[in-house]
Amino acid sequence: MTNQNTGPADAAEVLYQGDWLRLVRRGKWESCERTHGGNGMAVLIIAVTPDDEVLFVEQYRVPLGARTIEMPAGLVGDHGSSDSLEDAARRELIEETGWSAGRVDVLLTGPTTAGMSNERVAFVRARELTRVGKGGGIDDEDIIVHTVPRATAPAWLMRKHAEGYELDLKLWAGLWMIDHQPDGTPVD
């Protein structure tokens, strides 16, 4: 479906090109595009340890000027690699949390901010976790790993919110998908 301001055939005018992002205009509509890797695709990893603890990551996010709580995540094709959604999820889970997944299942993909960006996220459920390192990210990511009992995860998140942390709203979808398929059926 198109509107009066833009249509699918409108050519993009590049307003700015950086190392990772490009600002474009199509008609009167301005948006941001990722310029590397998996064409704007990211993975969000839903992971529960063998002790029934949900894996969360905390890190400072420059665009928000604040520390955030998120599920492990990353870009497909990050670091110059050409990988699948599953490969990206495995890599990012180890880098960020120090846990390796024996099994990963891609659950659902869709846009994160359809009115502003071409970025899409794939929800990936990681299972059969094994601790293989300490995590913390690479380079200067400075990621803090939190393992939170699944039964108290929502309350823990709200405490972090009250402490001033920014919470990624996709957390609640991820918590739901621990026990449910995207169609609402239970996980086997």
Protein backbone atom coordinates (compact mmCIF):
# COMPACT_ATOMS: atom_id res chain seq x y z
CA MET A 1 0.00 0.00 0.00
CA THR A 2 1.33 3.45 -0.87
CA ASN A 3 0.37 6.92 0.28
CA GLN A 4 0.47 10.34 -1.35
CA ASN A 5 3.97 11.12 -0.03
CA THR A 6 5.90 8.13 -1.28
CA GLY A 7 5.57 4.88 -3.15
CA PRO A 8 7.62 1.73 -3.60
CA ALA A 9 9.13 2.95 -6.87
CA ASP A 10 10.48 6.23 -5.45
CA ALA A 11 14.25 6.41 -5.69
CA ALA A 12 16.13 7.03 -2.48
CA GLU A 13 18.01 10.30 -2.12
CA VAL A 14 20.98 9.73 0.21
CA LEU A 15 21.09 12.56 2.75
CA TYR A 16 23.98 11.15 4.78
CA GLN A 17 26.15 8.04 4.60
CA GLY A 18 28.10 6.83 7.65
CA ASP A 19 30.03 3.66 8.40
CA TRP A 20 26.97 1.76 9.64
CA LEU A 21 23.91 3.83 8.73
CA ARG A 22 22.52 5.85 5.84
CA LEU A 23 19.82 8.53 6.06
CA VAL A 24 17.62 8.56 2.97
CA ARG A 25 14.60 10.42 1.62
CA ARG A 26 11.96 8.83 -0.58
CA GLY A 27 9.49 11.49 -1.61
CA LYS A 28 8.87 13.41 1.63
CA TRP A 29 9.66 10.43 3.88
CA GLU A 30 13.04 10.29 5.63
CA SER A 31 14.32 7.04 7.08
CA CYS A 32 17.46 5.31 8.25
CA GLU A 33 18.97 2.21 6.64
CA ARG A 34 21.64 -0.16 7.89
CA THR A 35 24.45 -0.32 5.34
CA HIS A 36 26.29 -3.53 6.11
CA GLY A 37 25.88 -7.19 6.87
CA GLY A 38 22.46 -8.76 6.68
CA ASN A 39 20.52 -5.90 5.06
CA GLY A 40 19.22 -4.47 8.32
CA MET A 41 18.56 -7.84 9.99
CA ALA A 42 19.28 -8.35 13.68
CA VAL A 43 18.73 -11.31 15.99
CA LEU A 44 17.30 -11.22 19.50
CA ILE A 45 18.16 -14.33 21.48
CA ILE A 46 15.70 -15.75 24.01
CA ALA A 47 17.84 -17.89 26.30
CA VAL A 48 17.16 -19.71 29.56
CA THR A 49 19.98 -21.48 31.43
CA PRO A 50 19.70 -25.07 32.70
CA ASP A 51 18.97 -23.52 36.15
CA ASP A 52 15.83 -21.84 34.67
CA GLU A 53 17.38 -18.37 34.61
CA VAL A 54 16.72 -15.91 31.80
CA LEU A 55 19.79 -14.28 30.26
CA PHE A 56 19.68 -10.48 30.09
CA VAL A 57 22.42 -8.06 29.10
CA GLU A 58 23.06 -4.59 30.42
CA GLN A 59 25.01 -1.99 28.51
CA TYR A 60 25.32 1.72 27.95
CA ARG A 61 23.60 2.82 24.75
CA VAL A 62 24.94 6.07 23.33
CA PRO A 63 21.76 7.06 21.40
CA LEU A 64 19.75 6.90 24.64
CA GLY A 65 22.47 8.28 26.88
CA ALA A 66 21.55 5.57 29.37
CA ARG A 67 22.18 1.99 30.45
CA THR A 68 19.70 -0.52 29.05
CA ILE A 69 18.48 -4.00 29.86
CA GLU A 70 17.99 -6.17 26.78
CA MET A 71 18.05 -9.77 25.70
CA PRO A 72 21.28 -10.74 23.94
CA ALA A 73 21.17 -9.47 20.38
CA GLY A 74 23.27 -8.51 17.42
CA LEU A 75 23.44 -7.82 13.73
CA VAL A 76 23.46 -10.51 11.09
CA GLY A 77 26.67 -10.15 9.11
CA ASP A 78 28.34 -8.20 11.91
CA HIS A 79 32.14 -8.04 11.90
CA GLY A 80 32.22 -8.56 8.14
CA SER A 81 30.86 -12.10 8.29
CA SER A 82 28.15 -13.48 6.05
CA ASP A 83 26.17 -15.69 8.36
CA SER A 84 22.69 -17.09 8.74
CA LEU A 85 20.23 -15.99 11.42
CA GLU A 86 21.13 -19.11 13.40
CA ASP A 87 24.88 -18.49 13.06
CA ALA A 88 24.49 -14.86 14.12
CA ALA A 89 22.43 -15.90 17.16
CA ARG A 90 25.03 -18.48 18.22
CA ARG A 91 27.88 -15.98 17.80
CA GLU A 92 26.16 -13.14 19.63
CA LEU A 93 25.02 -15.36 22.51
CA ILE A 94 28.59 -16.49 23.16
CA GLU A 95 30.10 -13.01 22.71
CA GLU A 96 27.60 -11.26 24.95
CA THR A 97 26.81 -13.87 27.62
CA GLY A 98 29.43 -16.63 27.49
CA TRP A 99 26.74 -19.26 26.88
CA SER A 100 26.64 -21.57 23.85
CA ALA A 101 23.42 -23.00 22.44
CA GLY A 102 23.13 -26.61 21.35
CA ARG A 103 19.97 -25.70 19.46
CA VAL A 104 18.59 -22.44 18.03
CA ASP A 105 15.16 -21.96 16.49
CA VAL A 106 14.17 -18.90 14.48
CA LEU A 107 10.67 -18.01 15.65
CA LEU A 108 9.58 -14.86 13.87
CA THR A 109 11.03 -11.89 11.98
CA GLY A 110 9.65 -8.39 11.57
CA PRO A 111 10.44 -4.67 11.60
CA THR A 112 11.57 -2.89 14.76
CA THR A 113 10.62 0.68 13.83
CA ALA A 114 8.82 0.47 10.50
CA GLY A 115 8.25 4.22 10.23
CA MET A 116 11.92 5.09 10.75
CA SER A 117 14.24 2.26 9.77
CA ASN A 118 14.66 -0.77 7.52
CA GLU A 119 15.91 -2.79 10.51
CA ARG A 120 14.20 -6.12 11.10
CA VAL A 121 14.66 -8.42 14.07
CA ALA A 122 14.47 -12.19 14.22
CA PHE A 123 13.38 -13.67 17.54
CA VAL A 124 15.53 -16.75 18.09
CA ARG A 125 15.03 -19.25 20.92
CA ALA A 126 18.31 -20.74 22.18
CA ARG A 127 18.17 -24.11 23.92
CA GLU A 128 20.52 -26.67 25.42
CA LEU A 129 22.79 -23.97 26.85
CA THR A 130 26.32 -24.66 28.02
CA ARG A 131 28.57 -22.14 29.76
CA VAL A 132 31.71 -21.63 27.62
CA GLY A 133 33.05 -18.25 28.76
CA LYS A 134 32.37 -15.11 30.72
CA GLY A 135 30.69 -13.04 27.99
CA GLY A 136 30.81 -9.28 28.23
CA GLY A 137 30.93 -8.51 24.52
CA ILE A 138 33.85 -7.58 22.33
CA ASP A 139 35.95 -4.47 21.96
CA ASP A 140 34.43 -1.74 24.14
CA GLU A 141 30.88 -3.13 24.51
CA ASP A 142 31.25 -3.44 28.31
CA ILE A 143 28.26 -5.78 28.65
CA ILE A 144 27.13 -6.97 32.07
CA VAL A 145 25.37 -10.35 32.02
CA HIS A 146 22.40 -10.90 34.32
CA THR A 147 20.98 -14.36 34.99
CA VAL A 148 17.55 -13.92 36.55
CA PRO A 149 15.21 -16.68 37.74
CA ARG A 150 12.49 -16.97 35.13
CA ALA A 151 9.69 -16.81 37.72
CA THR A 152 10.85 -13.39 38.95
CA ALA A 153 12.13 -11.92 35.65
CA PRO A 154 9.24 -9.47 35.04
CA ALA A 155 9.48 -8.09 38.61
CA TRP A 156 13.27 -7.81 38.30
CA LEU A 157 12.87 -5.87 35.06
CA MET A 158 10.43 -3.44 36.68
CA ARG A 159 12.88 -2.89 39.56
CA LYS A 160 15.60 -2.07 37.02
CA HIS A 161 13.19 0.34 35.32
CA ALA A 162 12.50 2.04 38.67
CA GLU A 163 16.29 2.37 39.11
CA GLY A 164 16.47 4.36 35.87
CA TYR A 165 17.44 1.73 33.33
CA GLU A 166 15.91 1.85 29.85
CA LEU A 167 14.11 -1.42 29.08
CA ASP A 168 13.86 -2.79 25.55
CA LEU A 169 10.13 -3.41 25.10
CA LYS A 170 10.92 -6.55 23.10
CA LEU A 171 11.83 -8.12 26.46
CA TRP A 172 8.19 -8.90 27.16
CA ALA A 173 7.72 -10.60 23.80
CA GLY A 174 10.86 -12.61 24.49
CA LEU A 175 9.63 -13.65 27.94
CA TRP A 176 6.34 -14.80 26.40
CA MET A 177 8.17 -16.78 23.71
CA ILE A 178 10.08 -18.79 26.31
CA ASP A 179 6.96 -20.92 26.73
CA HIS A 180 4.98 -20.16 23.56
CA GLN A 181 5.37 -20.42 19.82
CA PRO A 182 4.48 -17.17 18.00
CA ASP A 183 1.02 -18.61 17.24
CA GLY A 184 0.32 -19.10 20.96
CA THR A 185 0.80 -22.85 21.08
CA PRO A 186 2.99 -24.19 23.88
CA VAL A 187 6.67 -24.93 23.26
CA ASP A 188 7.36 -28.66 23.16
